[in-house]
Amino acid sequence: MMRPLHPEPLAGGGLAVLEPKLVQVLDTECFCVSLDGNLLRRALESGIDQPDLFELIRERCPYLFAARPVFLPHAHLERMAEVVAAVEEVVALPAWREEALAQAPAIARHDPGGARSVFFGYDFHVTEGGIGLIEINTNAGGAMLNAILARAQRACCPEVEPWMTTPGGSGALEEAIVAMFRNEWALSGRDTPLSVIAIVDETPEDQYLYPEFLLFQRLFRSRGIHAVIADPSHLRFADGRLWHAGTAIDLVYNRLTDFALDSPASSAVRAAYLNRAVVLTPHPQAHALFADKRNLVRLSDPEWLRALGVRPRLCALLGESVPRTERVTPDNAERLWQERRKWFFKPTAGFGSRAAYRGDKLTQRVWGEIAGGGYVAQRIVAPGERLIEDEDPPRPLKFDVRVYAYEGKVQWVAARLYQGQTTNFRTPGGGFAPVYEARIEAVI
């Protein structure tokens, strides 16, 4: 049972003060919003030729969807949107592009032909006191899963029900997704309708998020776009087109973590991209400009940004919102080792938290690998916490917040609940969770 949601007036208060206090109550004492299994099954299997999709998720990834939502104050959500827009503005500067592309693989300097890249994922840690942008991804997974998740929530008390309606709802997100892919096609100078999309990943049937590929396939087909799910090695480049089993591909929705398309399995996709025979989204240039971990070093340095010509307001915003990040070099390795409890270490070309370490968990052996180069050190910003009422006393789970964005604008916001060093989708009660904006005016 949660205590009443009517907080006492605070000295010097106002909504900006009250809402974080309300959120703290909700994230620690509200257990009455929950995932409805029947609604989830219906949302997953409606209109799809995979009637066992719900069971596939239960067997393969039972901790994909969290049992409880996360509540955030308006100020935090507004600040996240400002950070997304600020990063987009900075990355558009010629001096940023020149420096970022100079350190990137050659394919990143290939003109992508107008495509902006779909599903940027800005990952934040949030606390009562503020936010910290810990990572930017250019092939962020989970958007379709979160659209489904939004349809499967129920509230057991009237106090929280007003917050459960996300503006536009999941249907609007699905329409925005289709419009985004069609926009990528149009931006690339194509004047015919987008007809065929290939959702491409290595051995897709074995991927943890394979159920999401099926949902994307359903979505595209429902809008008159043929969609196939393919391993890159099953594609071929011939006669100026990219082909899959006799079908010419217009656009590749790229879920590969082979960001530079270096793998022999990616050779057909690489050839088609370099010959402008296909629209590739997201593409290598977007990864180099946004997602390379070394970019966090510059984004967290207000003085460097000022020298680049970034507006003072954005320098201050990014300096406050991006935790200080440094490249690990022989010159600073000893200092970082001594201060390791303050830092989180990430490989510059890493993804999905692979080979990433909290400094207080490091062994001498692992540190030797990190000190050898190819890593950045980021100041630790503690993740948020959400109590889960499945034990007595309720146990806390950590959470981060993923902001899905396109062209510098927020599309959707979701949380990921977990235990351990990083998100893992292996935690009972954890997984993707809806994010609700706790509005104080709804309860006072």
Protein backbone atom coordinates (compact mmCIF):
# COMPACT_ATOMS: atom_id res chain seq x y z
CA MET A 1 0.00 0.00 0.00
CA MET A 2 1.37 3.39 -1.02
CA ARG A 3 1.04 6.41 1.24
CA PRO A 4 -1.16 9.30 0.01
CA LEU A 5 0.10 11.17 -3.06
CA HIS A 6 -0.66 14.63 -1.64
CA PRO A 7 2.74 16.04 -0.63
CA GLU A 8 3.01 18.80 1.94
CA PRO A 9 3.84 22.29 0.60
CA LEU A 10 7.57 23.01 0.59
CA ALA A 11 9.22 26.32 1.45
CA GLY A 12 10.27 28.05 -1.76
CA GLY A 13 8.43 25.28 -3.57
CA GLY A 14 6.52 25.10 -6.80
CA LEU A 15 6.23 22.23 -9.25
CA ALA A 16 9.96 22.02 -9.88
CA VAL A 17 10.48 21.17 -6.20
CA LEU A 18 7.39 19.07 -5.59
CA GLU A 19 7.63 16.77 -8.60
CA PRO A 20 10.97 15.11 -7.67
CA LYS A 21 9.55 14.40 -4.18
CA LEU A 22 6.46 12.89 -5.74
CA VAL A 23 8.58 10.77 -8.06
CA GLN A 24 10.59 9.49 -5.10
CA VAL A 25 7.36 8.34 -3.45
CA LEU A 26 6.13 6.67 -6.63
CA ASP A 27 9.38 4.84 -7.43
CA THR A 28 9.70 3.54 -3.88
CA GLU A 29 6.10 2.92 -2.82
CA CYS A 30 3.90 2.57 -5.91
CA PHE A 31 3.36 -1.07 -6.89
CA CYS A 32 -0.14 -0.75 -8.31
CA VAL A 33 0.76 -0.26 -11.98
CA SER A 34 1.75 -3.55 -13.51
CA LEU A 35 2.30 -5.48 -16.69
CA ASP A 36 -0.86 -7.34 -17.73
CA GLY A 37 0.13 -10.69 -19.26
CA ASN A 38 -3.13 -11.13 -21.15
CA LEU A 39 -2.87 -7.67 -22.69
CA LEU A 40 0.76 -8.35 -23.57
CA ARG A 41 -0.10 -11.62 -25.32
CA ARG A 42 -2.88 -9.92 -27.28
CA ALA A 43 -0.62 -7.03 -28.32
CA LEU A 44 2.20 -9.34 -29.38
CA GLU A 45 0.15 -11.80 -31.39
CA SER A 46 -2.52 -9.57 -32.91
CA GLY A 47 -2.28 -9.59 -36.69
CA ILE A 48 0.96 -11.55 -36.84
CA ASP A 49 1.57 -14.91 -38.44
CA GLN A 50 3.58 -15.94 -35.37
CA PRO A 51 0.91 -17.08 -32.87
CA ASP A 52 3.62 -18.44 -30.59
CA LEU A 53 5.49 -15.13 -30.26
CA PHE A 54 4.39 -14.65 -26.67
CA GLU A 55 5.70 -18.10 -25.76
CA LEU A 56 8.91 -17.46 -27.69
CA ILE A 57 9.56 -14.41 -25.52
CA ARG A 58 8.72 -16.28 -22.32
CA GLU A 59 11.14 -19.07 -23.21
CA ARG A 60 14.01 -17.11 -24.75
CA CYS A 61 13.90 -13.78 -22.92
CA PRO A 62 11.61 -14.01 -19.89
CA TYR A 63 13.01 -10.81 -18.39
CA LEU A 64 12.46 -8.63 -21.43
CA PHE A 65 9.57 -6.68 -19.89
CA ALA A 66 9.63 -5.27 -16.37
CA ALA A 67 6.68 -5.73 -14.05
CA ARG A 68 6.59 -2.07 -12.96
CA PRO A 69 6.98 1.33 -14.65
CA VAL A 70 9.38 4.14 -13.77
CA PHE A 71 8.22 7.65 -12.88
CA LEU A 72 10.20 10.78 -13.79
CA PRO A 73 9.60 14.49 -13.16
CA HIS A 74 8.88 16.82 -16.06
CA ALA A 75 12.15 18.70 -15.51
CA HIS A 76 14.25 15.58 -16.13
CA LEU A 77 12.38 14.68 -19.31
CA GLU A 78 12.64 18.24 -20.55
CA ARG A 79 16.38 18.31 -19.87
CA MET A 80 16.87 15.05 -21.76
CA ALA A 81 15.11 16.51 -24.80
CA GLU A 82 17.34 19.58 -24.58
CA VAL A 83 20.46 17.42 -24.45
CA VAL A 84 19.36 15.44 -27.52
CA ALA A 85 18.80 18.65 -29.48
CA ALA A 86 22.11 20.08 -28.27
CA VAL A 87 24.11 17.03 -29.36
CA GLU A 88 22.45 17.18 -32.77
CA GLU A 89 23.41 20.85 -33.13
CA VAL A 90 27.02 20.22 -32.09
CA VAL A 91 27.47 17.23 -34.39
CA ALA A 92 26.23 19.31 -37.34
CA LEU A 93 29.20 21.70 -36.98
CA PRO A 94 31.81 21.22 -39.76
CA ALA A 95 34.66 21.24 -37.23
CA TRP A 96 33.04 18.40 -35.23
CA ARG A 97 32.50 16.34 -38.38
CA GLU A 98 36.07 16.90 -39.51
CA GLU A 99 37.58 15.72 -36.23
CA ALA A 100 35.20 12.80 -35.67
CA LEU A 101 35.57 11.46 -39.21
CA ALA A 102 39.36 11.84 -39.16
CA GLN A 103 39.60 9.18 -36.44
CA ALA A 104 36.96 6.90 -38.01
CA PRO A 105 37.25 4.05 -40.54
CA ALA A 106 37.35 5.15 -44.17
CA ILE A 107 33.80 3.97 -44.84
CA ALA A 108 32.51 6.57 -42.36
CA ARG A 109 33.67 9.29 -44.75
CA HIS A 110 31.51 7.87 -47.53
CA ASP A 111 28.53 10.16 -48.19
CA PRO A 112 25.45 8.24 -46.98
CA GLY A 113 23.34 10.02 -49.56
CA GLY A 114 21.01 11.95 -47.28
CA ALA A 115 19.82 9.31 -44.79
CA ARG A 116 19.95 10.57 -41.20
CA SER A 117 19.87 7.12 -39.55
CA VAL A 118 16.97 5.67 -37.58
CA PHE A 119 16.65 4.96 -33.86
CA PHE A 120 19.27 7.00 -32.12
CA GLY A 121 19.30 5.91 -28.50
CA TYR A 122 20.44 8.38 -25.85
CA ASP A 123 21.01 6.49 -22.58
CA PHE A 124 20.79 8.45 -19.32
CA HIS A 125 21.26 7.79 -15.64
CA VAL A 126 18.84 9.84 -13.57
CA THR A 127 18.71 10.78 -9.92
CA GLU A 128 16.63 13.20 -7.91
CA GLY A 129 19.32 15.80 -8.49
CA GLY A 130 19.71 15.54 -12.26
CA ILE A 131 20.67 13.46 -15.28
CA GLY A 132 23.83 12.13 -16.91
CA LEU A 133 24.15 11.11 -20.57
CA ILE A 134 26.22 7.94 -20.37
CA GLU A 135 26.06 6.77 -23.98
CA ILE A 136 24.71 7.42 -27.49
CA ASN A 137 23.75 4.50 -29.74
CA THR A 138 22.94 4.58 -33.43
CA ASN A 139 21.17 1.23 -33.70
CA ALA A 140 19.25 1.26 -30.43
CA GLY A 141 16.97 -1.73 -30.06
CA GLY A 142 13.67 -1.97 -28.25
CA ALA A 143 11.46 0.73 -29.78
CA MET A 144 8.88 -1.72 -31.16
CA LEU A 145 8.96 -3.72 -27.95
CA ASN A 146 8.18 -0.57 -25.99
CA ALA A 147 5.28 0.24 -28.30
CA ILE A 148 3.86 -3.18 -27.47
CA LEU A 149 4.63 -2.76 -23.77
CA ALA A 150 2.65 0.47 -23.64
CA ARG A 151 -0.49 -1.44 -24.62
CA ALA A 152 -0.09 -3.97 -21.82
CA GLN A 153 -0.13 -1.75 -18.71
CA ARG A 154 -2.93 -1.47 -16.19
CA ALA A 155 -3.41 0.69 -13.10
CA CYS A 156 -5.09 -0.59 -9.97
CA CYS A 157 -5.73 2.82 -8.40
CA PRO A 158 -7.08 6.10 -9.82
CA GLU A 159 -4.16 8.23 -8.55
CA VAL A 160 -1.66 7.03 -11.15
CA GLU A 161 -4.03 6.42 -14.04
CA PRO A 162 -3.72 10.00 -15.43
CA TRP A 163 0.00 9.50 -15.97
CA MET A 164 -0.34 6.30 -17.97
CA THR A 165 -1.36 8.02 -21.19
CA THR A 166 1.71 8.82 -23.24
CA PRO A 167 1.03 11.67 -25.70
CA GLY A 168 -0.09 10.07 -28.95
CA GLY A 169 0.15 6.57 -27.50
CA SER A 170 1.87 3.53 -28.96
CA GLY A 171 -0.15 3.78 -32.16
CA ALA A 172 1.37 7.18 -32.84
CA LEU A 173 4.84 5.75 -32.24
CA GLU A 174 4.24 3.01 -34.80
CA GLU A 175 3.07 5.57 -37.35
CA ALA A 176 6.15 7.67 -36.59
CA ILE A 177 8.40 4.65 -37.13
CA VAL A 178 6.96 3.97 -40.59
CA ALA A 179 7.13 7.66 -41.48
CA MET A 180 10.77 7.74 -40.34
CA PHE A 181 11.79 4.92 -42.68
CA ARG A 182 9.91 6.51 -45.56
CA ASN A 183 11.67 9.79 -44.78
CA GLU A 184 15.06 8.07 -44.90
CA TRP A 185 14.09 6.79 -48.33
CA ALA A 186 12.99 10.25 -49.53
CA LEU A 187 16.05 12.01 -48.04
CA SER A 188 18.20 9.64 -50.10
CA GLY A 189 16.70 11.06 -53.29
CA ARG A 190 14.44 8.15 -54.15
CA ASP A 191 11.31 9.26 -56.00
CA THR A 192 9.52 5.90 -56.10
CA PRO A 193 7.60 4.40 -53.17
CA LEU A 194 9.59 2.44 -50.60
CA SER A 195 8.67 -1.17 -51.38
CA VAL A 196 11.10 -3.61 -49.76
CA ILE A 197 12.98 -3.43 -46.44
CA ALA A 198 15.53 -5.97 -45.23
CA ILE A 199 15.96 -6.16 -41.45
CA VAL A 200 19.57 -7.32 -41.25
CA ASP A 201 21.53 -8.81 -38.38
CA GLU A 202 23.98 -11.65 -37.95
CA THR A 203 22.08 -14.96 -37.52
CA PRO A 204 18.91 -13.00 -36.70
CA GLU A 205 16.96 -15.99 -35.40
CA ASP A 206 19.57 -16.38 -32.66
CA GLN A 207 19.53 -12.73 -31.56
CA TYR A 208 18.08 -11.95 -28.17
CA LEU A 209 15.79 -9.33 -29.69
CA TYR A 210 14.67 -11.50 -32.61
CA PRO A 211 11.03 -11.11 -31.46
CA GLU A 212 11.38 -7.40 -32.19
CA PHE A 213 12.44 -8.18 -35.76
CA LEU A 214 9.19 -10.08 -36.20
CA LEU A 215 7.25 -7.10 -34.87
CA PHE A 216 8.99 -4.73 -37.28
CA GLN A 217 8.26 -7.12 -40.12
CA ARG A 218 4.58 -7.13 -39.16
CA LEU A 219 4.49 -3.34 -38.91
CA PHE A 220 6.08 -2.78 -42.31
CA ARG A 221 3.88 -5.34 -44.03
CA SER A 222 0.77 -3.80 -42.49
CA ARG A 223 1.71 -0.53 -44.22
CA GLY A 224 2.24 -2.11 -47.62
CA ILE A 225 6.02 -2.49 -47.39
CA HIS A 226 7.41 -5.98 -47.97
CA ALA A 227 9.91 -6.88 -45.25
CA VAL A 228 12.40 -9.73 -44.90
CA ILE A 229 14.64 -10.67 -41.97
CA ALA A 230 18.08 -11.71 -43.17
CA ASP A 231 21.61 -12.57 -42.20
CA PRO A 232 23.98 -10.28 -44.17
CA SER A 233 25.71 -13.30 -45.71
CA HIS A 234 22.41 -14.27 -47.35
CA LEU A 235 22.37 -11.05 -49.36
CA ARG A 236 24.16 -10.54 -52.67
CA PHE A 237 25.10 -7.50 -54.69
CA ALA A 238 24.57 -7.98 -58.43
CA ASP A 239 23.39 -5.97 -61.42
CA GLY A 240 23.51 -2.77 -59.42
CA ARG A 241 21.06 -4.00 -56.75
CA LEU A 242 21.11 -5.73 -53.39
CA TRP A 243 19.20 -9.02 -53.49
CA HIS A 244 17.67 -11.47 -51.07
CA ALA A 245 16.45 -14.75 -52.57
CA GLY A 246 15.50 -13.09 -55.85
CA THR A 247 13.94 -9.99 -54.27
CA ALA A 248 15.58 -6.61 -54.82
CA ILE A 249 16.06 -4.67 -51.58
CA ASP A 250 15.33 -0.93 -51.40
CA LEU A 251 16.40 -0.21 -47.83
CA VAL A 252 18.41 -2.07 -45.20
CA TYR A 253 17.37 -1.57 -41.59
CA ASN A 254 20.82 -2.20 -40.17
CA ARG A 255 20.91 -3.97 -36.79
CA LEU A 256 24.50 -5.15 -37.25
CA THR A 257 27.15 -4.36 -34.65
CA ASP A 258 29.71 -4.55 -37.46
CA PHE A 259 29.58 -0.77 -37.60
CA ALA A 260 32.18 -0.35 -40.36
CA LEU A 261 30.88 -3.34 -42.39
CA ASP A 262 34.33 -4.94 -42.18
CA SER A 263 33.18 -8.54 -41.76
CA PRO A 264 33.24 -10.80 -44.85
CA ALA A 265 29.59 -11.57 -44.10
CA SER A 266 28.78 -7.86 -44.60
CA SER A 267 30.48 -7.62 -48.01
CA ALA A 268 27.27 -7.46 -50.06
CA VAL A 269 25.76 -4.77 -47.84
CA ARG A 270 29.04 -2.85 -47.96
CA ALA A 271 29.24 -3.02 -51.76
CA ALA A 272 25.62 -1.97 -52.21
CA TYR A 273 26.08 0.93 -49.79
CA LEU A 274 29.27 2.20 -51.42
CA ASN A 275 27.63 1.96 -54.86
CA ARG A 276 24.48 3.76 -53.64
CA ALA A 277 22.44 0.74 -54.62
CA VAL A 278 20.57 0.64 -51.33
CA VAL A 279 19.60 3.01 -48.52
CA LEU A 280 21.41 1.88 -45.37
CA THR A 281 20.09 3.08 -42.03
CA PRO A 282 21.71 3.47 -39.58
CA HIS A 283 24.97 3.87 -41.48
CA PRO A 284 28.70 3.98 -40.61
CA GLN A 285 28.95 7.76 -40.74
CA ALA A 286 26.25 8.21 -38.11
CA HIS A 287 28.08 5.80 -35.80
CA ALA A 288 31.34 7.73 -36.20
CA LEU A 289 29.71 11.12 -35.60
CA PHE A 290 27.54 10.14 -32.63
CA ALA A 291 28.20 6.72 -31.12
CA ASP A 292 31.99 6.37 -31.00
CA LYS A 293 32.72 6.54 -27.24
CA ARG A 294 35.56 9.00 -27.88
CA ASN A 295 32.93 11.59 -28.77
CA LEU A 296 31.91 11.65 -25.11
CA VAL A 297 35.34 13.09 -24.28
CA ARG A 298 34.58 16.19 -26.37
CA LEU A 299 30.92 16.46 -25.39
CA SER A 300 31.91 16.55 -21.70
CA ASP A 301 34.53 19.30 -22.19
CA PRO A 302 32.91 22.78 -22.22
CA GLU A 303 36.21 24.51 -23.03
CA TRP A 304 36.77 22.33 -26.09
CA LEU A 305 33.19 22.95 -27.21
CA ARG A 306 33.60 26.71 -26.81
CA ALA A 307 36.75 26.60 -28.94
CA LEU A 308 34.74 24.68 -31.54
CA GLY A 309 32.24 27.53 -31.73
CA VAL A 310 29.38 25.94 -29.79
CA ARG A 311 26.92 28.42 -28.29
CA PRO A 312 27.68 29.18 -24.60
CA ARG A 313 24.29 27.93 -23.43
CA LEU A 314 24.87 24.55 -25.07
CA CYS A 315 28.41 24.34 -23.67
CA ALA A 316 26.98 24.79 -20.17
CA LEU A 317 24.12 22.33 -20.78
CA LEU A 318 26.41 19.58 -22.07
CA GLY A 319 29.02 20.27 -19.39
CA GLU A 320 26.35 19.69 -16.74
CA SER A 321 24.69 16.71 -18.44
CA VAL A 322 27.54 14.62 -19.89
CA PRO A 323 29.75 13.06 -17.20
CA ARG A 324 33.42 13.91 -17.58
CA THR A 325 35.05 11.40 -19.93
CA GLU A 326 38.73 10.82 -20.74
CA ARG A 327 40.59 8.55 -23.11
CA VAL A 328 42.75 6.04 -21.28
CA THR A 329 46.37 6.67 -22.29
CA PRO A 330 49.81 5.75 -20.93
CA ASP A 331 50.04 9.28 -19.55
CA ASN A 332 46.92 9.07 -17.35
CA ALA A 333 46.69 5.31 -16.74
CA GLU A 334 48.34 5.41 -13.31
CA ARG A 335 46.12 8.26 -12.11
CA LEU A 336 42.96 6.55 -13.39
CA TRP A 337 43.93 3.32 -11.67
CA GLN A 338 44.39 5.15 -8.37
CA GLU A 339 41.01 6.88 -8.86
CA ARG A 340 39.31 3.85 -10.39
CA ARG A 341 36.40 3.82 -7.93
CA LYS A 342 35.19 7.10 -9.46
CA TRP A 343 35.23 5.84 -13.05
CA PHE A 344 33.44 3.50 -15.42
CA PHE A 345 35.60 2.09 -18.22
CA LYS A 346 34.22 1.43 -21.72
CA PRO A 347 35.82 0.25 -24.97
CA THR A 348 35.72 2.98 -27.60
CA ALA A 349 34.23 0.63 -30.19
CA GLY A 350 32.08 -1.35 -27.76
CA PHE A 351 28.34 -1.91 -27.68
CA GLY A 352 25.76 -3.44 -25.39
CA SER A 353 27.95 -3.00 -22.26
CA ARG A 354 30.39 -5.62 -23.53
CA ALA A 355 33.83 -5.41 -21.89
CA ALA A 356 32.66 -2.42 -19.80
CA TYR A 357 33.68 -2.27 -16.14
CA ARG A 358 33.04 -0.30 -13.00
CA GLY A 359 36.38 0.76 -11.61
CA ASP A 360 35.71 -0.69 -8.17
CA LYS A 361 35.21 -4.14 -9.77
CA LEU A 362 38.47 -4.16 -11.74
CA THR A 363 41.20 -6.77 -11.35
CA GLN A 364 44.84 -6.10 -12.15
CA ARG A 365 44.58 -8.45 -15.14
CA VAL A 366 41.64 -6.58 -16.68
CA TRP A 367 43.25 -3.25 -15.91
CA GLY A 368 46.27 -4.32 -17.91
CA GLU A 369 44.03 -4.75 -20.96
CA ILE A 370 42.32 -1.39 -20.40
CA ALA A 371 45.60 0.47 -19.89
CA GLY A 372 46.80 -0.92 -23.21
CA GLY A 373 44.44 1.49 -25.00
CA GLY A 374 41.11 1.49 -26.78
CA TYR A 375 39.12 2.56 -23.70
CA VAL A 376 37.53 5.68 -22.27
CA ALA A 377 36.96 6.41 -18.60
CA GLN A 378 33.67 8.06 -17.65
CA ARG A 379 32.87 9.54 -14.26
CA ILE A 380 30.32 7.34 -12.53
CA VAL A 381 26.80 8.73 -12.32
CA ALA A 382 24.67 6.49 -10.15
CA PRO A 383 21.63 4.97 -11.87
CA GLY A 384 18.14 5.50 -10.53
CA GLU A 385 16.41 2.94 -8.32
CA ARG A 386 12.95 1.42 -8.50
CA LEU A 387 11.59 -0.81 -5.74
CA ILE A 388 9.92 -4.03 -6.91
CA GLU A 389 7.33 -5.53 -4.57
CA ASP A 390 8.04 -9.21 -5.12
CA GLU A 391 9.85 -9.79 -1.85
CA ASP A 392 9.50 -8.63 1.75
CA PRO A 393 11.03 -6.14 2.08
CA PRO A 394 10.73 -4.97 -1.57
CA ARG A 395 14.04 -5.18 -3.41
CA PRO A 396 15.56 -2.28 -5.36
CA LEU A 397 16.46 -2.53 -9.03
CA LYS A 398 18.65 -0.04 -10.85
CA PHE A 399 17.39 1.66 -13.96
CA ASP A 400 18.63 3.73 -16.84
CA VAL A 401 16.52 5.70 -19.30
CA ARG A 402 16.70 5.33 -23.07
CA VAL A 403 15.48 8.23 -25.20
CA TYR A 404 14.72 7.22 -28.78
CA ALA A 405 15.26 10.14 -31.14
CA TYR A 406 15.25 11.00 -34.82
CA GLU A 407 16.50 14.23 -36.40
CA GLY A 408 17.18 15.62 -32.93
CA LYS A 409 13.62 15.13 -31.66
CA VAL A 410 12.44 12.70 -28.99
CA GLN A 411 10.21 9.88 -30.26
CA TRP A 412 9.79 7.77 -27.12
CA VAL A 413 11.23 7.34 -23.63
CA ALA A 414 11.69 3.97 -21.91
CA ALA A 415 13.53 2.63 -18.88
CA ARG A 416 15.54 -0.56 -18.40
CA LEU A 417 15.51 -2.17 -14.95
CA TYR A 418 18.40 -4.41 -13.93
CA GLN A 419 20.80 -5.66 -11.28
CA GLY A 420 24.56 -5.74 -11.66
CA GLN A 421 27.02 -3.39 -13.32
CA THR A 422 25.03 -2.75 -16.50
CA THR A 423 21.70 -3.47 -18.16
CA ASN A 424 21.47 -7.16 -18.95
CA PHE A 425 17.82 -8.34 -19.41
CA ARG A 426 18.67 -11.22 -17.10
CA THR A 427 17.12 -9.84 -13.90
CA PRO A 428 13.84 -11.22 -12.50
CA GLY A 429 11.39 -8.31 -12.45
CA GLY A 430 13.66 -6.33 -14.77
CA GLY A 431 13.67 -5.44 -18.46
CA PHE A 432 12.12 -2.64 -20.50
CA ALA A 433 9.72 -0.51 -18.46
CA PRO A 434 7.40 2.32 -19.47
CA VAL A 435 8.31 5.81 -18.25
CA TYR A 436 5.53 8.01 -16.92
CA GLU A 437 5.81 11.73 -16.30
CA ALA A 438 4.59 12.32 -12.74
CA ARG A 439 2.67 15.58 -12.94
CA ILE A 440 2.03 17.18 -9.58
CA GLU A 441 -1.08 19.01 -10.78
CA ALA A 442 -2.83 15.65 -11.12
CA VAL A 443 -2.75 15.06 -7.37
CA ILE A 444 -2.92 18.48 -5.69
